Amino acid sequence: MTAMLLLPVLGLPLAAAASAVALVPARALAAVIPTDGLVSFWDFQERSGPFVAKLGSGGYVLQEQSFNTSTQVWSSNNEVRRVQEAPPARPFGELSASIGTWQMLRVPDTYEAAPLLNIHGDNATLTVVGWVKPSQSLDNTSHYDFGHFAGIWSEVISVRTYVMFCPAASRGRDPAVGQVPHLDAEISRTGATMQPSCRWSVSYALGATPINHSSWHMLAMTFDGSAIRAFVNGSLDVRLPDAPHRTPNFTKCNERWQNPAPISTWTNRSPGTWGPGGAPQGTDTTDFTVGGQRGTPCPDGVKCSGMGHPWSGLVGGLAVYDRALDGAELLAMAQQTGMAPLR
């Protein structure tokens, strides 16, 4: 008989957790997902209800959220669709979550309720890995300039810790082809906007490979204390450093588009402070979100400033680690999940 794994869900009694999730073959998951330093891994195989972490030290729940652009109100009533499409090797099952433009998933209040996701501090290291197939609407468009895929990040309320943006179309712009979606892995030390030296207190690694809707991708970001790195399908998506320049209409400081991004090149660093800043105490201000950002703090049923940087597409798996996985580990994960190697 195949071994099965069912983790208790934080915040839910075990009986409720059992009814909320599908049983998962533990041996199959553990063969693909390294468990050392794993905070949470979601496989998105639930046919209804929230998505529950199946592996990791934090059995956290991704709750469904949607934003009504007419009423400007958040709600939990609009369920994220499940579709029968998954990463090529079907490593986690047959389903994926189809996140619409005005939908997101979130783990609320990581400061209090999910501290293992609130990765921060001078000695912090991390990895975020996602198996995604972006929506066609994210291809070559200025409307979705930065699509927030996953992380603790909100432009409106100055909470920035770590995030993967995909696409990041205005960065890496090629005059010959216009805006092309790339993976943008970002870390912020202070989380504040309008820093004296730079409009956005953020440091990032920018990949070079176009990310579009025609195929599945395994996207990953790592921070090992010395550099941010962006990976596509298990390979470091190298972008050689260019001359310092300014992204049009975005920043007041010179930036380097590069991957990896060593801390010595960060424009907004302070001496001795390299790791991501901790998310402050609060409810909406510390949410870990997938598919976009919440605006000003706004409980369900209360008007707020809206949704920032919406991302849409299919998500077939998501993992967060409190250590930096190396290239060999990420490549093995990509190969076992059927990802095509970078050319």
Foldseek 3Di string as FASTA:
>chain_A
DFDWFQDAAQPDPNVVSVVQDDIFRPVLVCVQDPAVQFAFKWQAPGQDAWTFTRGHPHRFTWAKWFADPVVQFIDRPDTFHKDQPAQDLCSGHRIWTWADQGMKIWRKFCVPRNVSQQFWDLQFKKKKKFKFQFDQVLFQDVVLQWAWFWHQADPAPLFFAWTKTWFNFLPPADVVRGTFGWIKTKGAARSHADDVAKRGRMDIATADDGRHRPHIWIWMWIDASFWIFIDILLHTRFDCWDDFDDRPPPMDHTDTHTGTGTPVRDRNDDPSGDHHHGQDGDIQNGMIMGFWHDHPDADGPGRDDGTGSGTTGITRMMIMGRHGDDSVSSNSSSVSSVHDDDD
